[in-house]
């Protein structure tokens, strides 16, 4: 495939991924509720803000920027099949806002702890979800 054709294909994939952030549920950060996520966490097929993306990177999760990273067809398909709404049903099936509020953007310690409770400790994970 010629370089320009590859660039067009890569640009199209990035545009398709970026379009997913406008779907209901994906338009806010999965982990703190901030509007306008700019990153995806491919381990969980979720959309997150820049602050939360840092915490995921610290945990060695696969994070990509929506506007800067190249995406593969497989990653696009996984993100189409995932997203924040589906992830909430898996990772926060038993979570209750009134008992454990979302951390506030900018409170790195609280964000890090909340992400660990969600994905590492699996505190609220659905019993029916795959391991």
Protein backbone atom coordinates (compact mmCIF):
# COMPACT_ATOMS: atom_id res chain seq x y z
CA UNK A 1 0.00 0.00 0.00
CA UNK A 2 1.38 3.40 -0.92
CA UNK A 3 2.29 5.79 1.90
CA UNK A 4 -0.52 8.23 1.08
CA UNK A 5 -3.09 5.41 1.08
CA UNK A 6 -1.78 4.25 4.48
CA UNK A 7 -1.98 7.78 5.83
CA UNK A 8 -5.56 8.14 4.59
CA UNK A 9 -6.52 4.80 6.17
CA UNK A 10 -4.87 5.79 9.46
CA UNK A 11 -6.58 9.19 9.41
CA UNK A 12 -9.95 7.54 8.73
CA UNK A 13 -9.48 5.13 11.65
CA UNK A 14 -8.59 8.01 13.97
CA UNK A 15 -11.68 9.95 12.81
CA UNK A 16 -13.86 6.90 13.42
CA UNK A 17 -12.44 6.50 16.93
CA UNK A 18 -12.89 10.22 17.62
CA UNK A 19 -16.54 9.97 16.54
CA UNK A 20 -17.15 7.39 19.28
CA UNK A 21 -16.40 9.97 22.00
CA UNK A 22 -19.57 11.82 21.00
CA UNK A 23 -21.79 8.83 21.78
CA UNK A 24 -23.80 8.98 25.00
CA UNK A 25 -21.71 7.75 27.90
CA UNK A 26 -18.43 8.19 26.07
CA UNK A 27 -18.74 11.97 26.25
CA UNK A 28 -17.63 12.03 29.89
CA UNK A 29 -14.58 10.47 31.54
CA UNK A 30 -15.28 6.96 32.75
CA UNK A 31 -13.34 7.53 35.96
CA UNK A 32 -14.08 11.10 37.12
CA UNK A 33 -17.02 12.30 35.01
CA UNK A 34 -15.18 15.20 33.34
CA UNK A 35 -16.73 16.20 30.02
CA UNK A 36 -14.83 15.68 26.78
CA UNK A 37 -12.46 12.71 27.23
CA UNK A 38 -9.34 12.91 25.08
CA UNK A 39 -7.95 9.43 25.62
CA UNK A 40 -8.97 5.78 25.43
CA UNK A 41 -7.88 2.96 27.70
CA UNK A 42 -7.71 -0.02 25.40
CA UNK A 43 -7.49 -2.53 28.26
CA UNK A 44 -11.10 -1.66 29.14
CA UNK A 45 -12.29 0.07 25.93
CA UNK A 46 -13.15 3.21 27.88
CA UNK A 47 -12.87 6.95 27.27
CA UNK A 48 -11.04 9.03 29.89
CA UNK A 49 -9.72 12.55 30.52
CA UNK A 50 -6.06 13.52 30.55
CA UNK A 51 -5.74 13.35 34.36
CA UNK A 52 -7.20 9.85 34.53
CA UNK A 53 -5.12 8.72 31.55
CA UNK A 54 -2.00 9.48 33.62
CA UNK A 55 -3.22 7.23 36.43
CA UNK A 56 -3.96 4.43 33.94
CA UNK A 57 -0.47 4.79 32.45
CA UNK A 58 1.05 4.50 35.93
CA UNK A 59 -0.76 1.15 36.18
CA UNK A 60 0.68 0.17 32.77
CA UNK A 61 -2.68 0.19 31.01
CA UNK A 62 -2.63 0.74 27.26
CA UNK A 63 -3.68 4.37 26.75
CA UNK A 64 -3.93 6.23 23.45
CA UNK A 65 -4.72 9.84 22.64
CA UNK A 66 -7.81 10.35 20.47
CA UNK A 67 -6.21 13.02 18.30
CA UNK A 68 -2.58 11.93 18.26
CA UNK A 69 -2.38 8.14 18.22
CA UNK A 70 -2.73 5.75 15.33
CA UNK A 71 -5.43 3.09 15.72
CA UNK A 72 -5.88 -0.33 14.17
CA UNK A 73 -9.08 -1.84 12.80
CA UNK A 74 -9.05 -4.24 15.76
CA UNK A 75 -8.83 -1.40 18.28
CA UNK A 76 -11.67 0.46 16.55
CA UNK A 77 -13.82 -2.68 16.61
CA UNK A 78 -13.08 -3.22 20.31
CA UNK A 79 -13.97 0.39 21.13
CA UNK A 80 -17.20 0.11 19.12
CA UNK A 81 -18.07 -3.02 21.09
CA UNK A 82 -17.10 -1.40 24.38
CA UNK A 83 -17.40 2.15 25.58
CA UNK A 84 -18.15 3.71 28.93
CA UNK A 85 -21.79 2.64 29.20
CA UNK A 86 -20.91 -1.02 28.74
CA UNK A 87 -17.85 -0.71 30.99
CA UNK A 88 -19.97 0.77 33.78
CA UNK A 89 -22.18 -2.32 33.69
CA UNK A 90 -19.11 -4.53 34.04
CA UNK A 91 -16.68 -2.63 36.28
CA UNK A 92 -19.14 -0.68 38.41
CA UNK A 93 -22.12 -3.01 38.52
CA UNK A 94 -22.35 -2.72 42.33
CA UNK A 95 -20.99 0.82 42.69
CA UNK A 96 -23.19 3.43 44.33
CA UNK A 97 -22.45 7.15 43.94
CA UNK A 98 -23.82 7.95 47.39
CA UNK A 99 -21.43 5.48 49.05
CA UNK A 100 -18.33 6.14 46.94
CA UNK A 101 -18.59 9.38 44.93
CA UNK A 102 -16.59 9.86 41.76
CA UNK A 103 -13.30 11.56 42.56
CA UNK A 104 -12.97 15.22 41.69
CA UNK A 105 -10.81 16.14 38.71
CA UNK A 106 -7.44 17.32 39.97
CA UNK A 107 -7.46 15.19 43.12
CA UNK A 108 -4.80 12.80 41.83
CA UNK A 109 -4.69 10.71 44.99
CA UNK A 110 -8.46 10.13 45.00
CA UNK A 111 -8.50 9.45 41.25
CA UNK A 112 -5.66 6.92 41.57
CA UNK A 113 -7.43 5.16 44.46
CA UNK A 114 -10.76 5.05 42.62
CA UNK A 115 -9.13 3.61 39.48
CA UNK A 116 -7.34 0.97 41.58
CA UNK A 117 -10.58 0.03 43.37
CA UNK A 118 -12.35 -0.26 40.01
CA UNK A 119 -9.84 -2.15 37.85
CA UNK A 120 -7.28 -3.72 40.17
CA UNK A 121 -9.31 -4.61 43.25
CA UNK A 122 -12.44 -5.10 41.12
CA UNK A 123 -14.50 -3.84 44.06
CA UNK A 124 -17.71 -3.30 42.08
CA UNK A 125 -17.23 -5.71 39.15
CA UNK A 126 -20.18 -7.70 37.88
CA UNK A 127 -20.10 -11.33 38.89
CA UNK A 128 -21.29 -12.27 35.39
CA UNK A 129 -18.47 -10.42 33.60
CA UNK A 130 -15.50 -12.32 32.22
CA UNK A 131 -12.44 -12.35 34.47
